[in-house]
Protein backbone atom coordinates (compact mmCIF):
# COMPACT_ATOMS: atom_id res chain seq x y z
CA MET A 1 -13.33 -15.40 -5.37
CA ALA A 2 -12.18 -12.34 -3.43
CA THR A 3 -13.47 -8.89 -4.34
CA TRP A 4 -12.09 -5.40 -3.78
CA THR A 5 -12.87 -3.82 -0.40
CA ALA A 6 -12.83 -0.04 0.08
CA VAL A 7 -10.51 1.07 2.89
CA ALA A 8 -13.37 3.28 4.13
CA GLU A 9 -15.48 0.12 4.55
CA ARG A 10 -12.98 -2.22 6.24
CA LEU A 11 -9.23 -2.59 6.76
CA PRO A 12 -7.17 -5.77 6.43
CA PRO A 13 -5.74 -7.46 9.54
CA ASP A 14 -2.61 -5.84 10.97
CA GLY A 15 0.55 -7.07 9.26
CA GLU A 16 -1.27 -8.86 6.42
CA ARG A 17 0.07 -8.66 2.85
CA VAL A 18 -2.74 -7.80 0.43
CA LEU A 19 -3.30 -6.57 -3.13
CA CYS A 20 -3.81 -2.80 -3.05
CA TYR A 21 -5.32 -0.44 -5.59
CA LEU A 22 -3.54 2.92 -5.92
CA PRO A 23 -5.25 4.93 -8.69
CA ASP A 24 -2.34 7.33 -9.33
CA ASN A 25 0.67 5.09 -8.66
CA GLN A 26 3.59 5.77 -11.02
CA VAL A 27 6.91 3.90 -10.81
CA TYR A 28 10.25 4.70 -12.42
CA LEU A 29 11.51 2.10 -14.89
CA PRO A 30 15.12 1.09 -14.19
CA GLY A 31 17.57 2.01 -16.92
CA LYS A 32 15.00 4.11 -18.79
CA SER A 33 16.34 7.58 -17.85
CA GLY A 34 13.30 8.91 -16.02
CA ALA A 35 10.65 6.86 -17.85
CA MET A 36 7.63 5.97 -15.70
CA GLU A 37 4.83 3.41 -15.83
CA GLN A 38 1.36 3.31 -14.26
CA ARG A 39 1.08 0.43 -11.73
CA SER A 40 -2.28 0.67 -10.02
CA VAL A 41 -2.23 -2.75 -8.30
CA VAL A 42 0.64 -3.66 -5.97
CA VAL A 43 1.25 -5.98 -3.01
CA LEU A 44 1.59 -4.11 0.30
CA ARG A 45 1.57 -5.02 4.00
CA PHE A 46 -0.99 -3.15 6.14
CA MET A 47 0.49 -1.75 9.36
CA ARG A 48 -2.18 -0.64 11.84
CA ASP A 49 -1.19 2.34 14.04
CA TRP A 50 2.29 2.43 12.42
CA PHE A 51 2.89 6.09 13.21
CA LEU A 52 1.59 5.77 16.78
CA LYS A 53 4.05 2.90 17.42
CA ASN A 54 6.92 4.60 15.53
CA PRO A 55 6.60 8.35 16.23
CA SER A 56 10.14 9.09 15.04
CA LYS A 57 9.25 7.86 11.53
CA THR A 58 6.27 10.09 10.85
CA GLY A 59 7.90 12.66 8.57
CA LYS A 60 4.43 13.65 7.37
CA ALA A 61 1.07 13.97 9.13
CA THR A 62 -0.89 11.32 7.26
CA GLY A 63 -2.89 9.46 9.89
CA ASP A 64 -2.15 6.47 12.07
CA HIS A 65 -1.79 3.65 9.54
CA PHE A 66 0.78 2.87 6.83
CA TRP A 67 1.35 0.46 3.92
CA LEU A 68 4.77 -1.22 3.77
CA GLY A 69 5.98 -2.29 0.35
CA GLU A 70 8.95 -4.18 -0.96
CA GLY A 71 12.03 -2.10 -1.70
CA SER A 72 11.08 1.57 -1.92
CA SER A 73 7.38 1.01 -2.57
CA ASN A 74 6.01 2.18 0.80
CA HIS A 75 2.79 4.21 0.66
CA PHE A 76 0.99 6.54 3.02
CA PHE A 77 -2.45 5.38 4.14
CA GLY A 78 -4.39 7.78 1.90
CA ASP A 79 -2.70 6.49 -1.28
CA VAL A 80 -4.64 3.19 -1.21
CA THR A 81 -8.37 3.24 -2.01
CA HIS A 82 -9.15 -0.52 -2.11
CA TRP A 83 -7.58 -3.85 -1.12
CA MET A 84 -8.23 -7.59 -1.44
CA PRO A 85 -6.62 -10.74 -0.01
CA LEU A 86 -3.82 -12.34 -2.02
CA PRO A 87 -4.98 -15.32 -4.08
CA GLU A 88 -4.11 -18.84 -3.00
CA ALA A 89 -0.94 -20.33 -4.49
CA PRO A 90 -1.46 -22.85 -7.32
């Protein structure tokens, strides 16, 4: 069984979708007029050297790497503390 890996210890392969732990991740709940919910574990795609390859998209000095989400759930590199591979399908 996979275990959590700290991003300071090792990064996932470039372009791989993984489970990510974001300790302070809050998301807005649709139709709830500003209501939010804590979602600490999300699926994101690791993009190595994203800002080096896409300098026009930096917008914020956060480092070289980036986490791409689905919809509007992108995250800057520092948001994620741990990751693990996605489980196998049943």
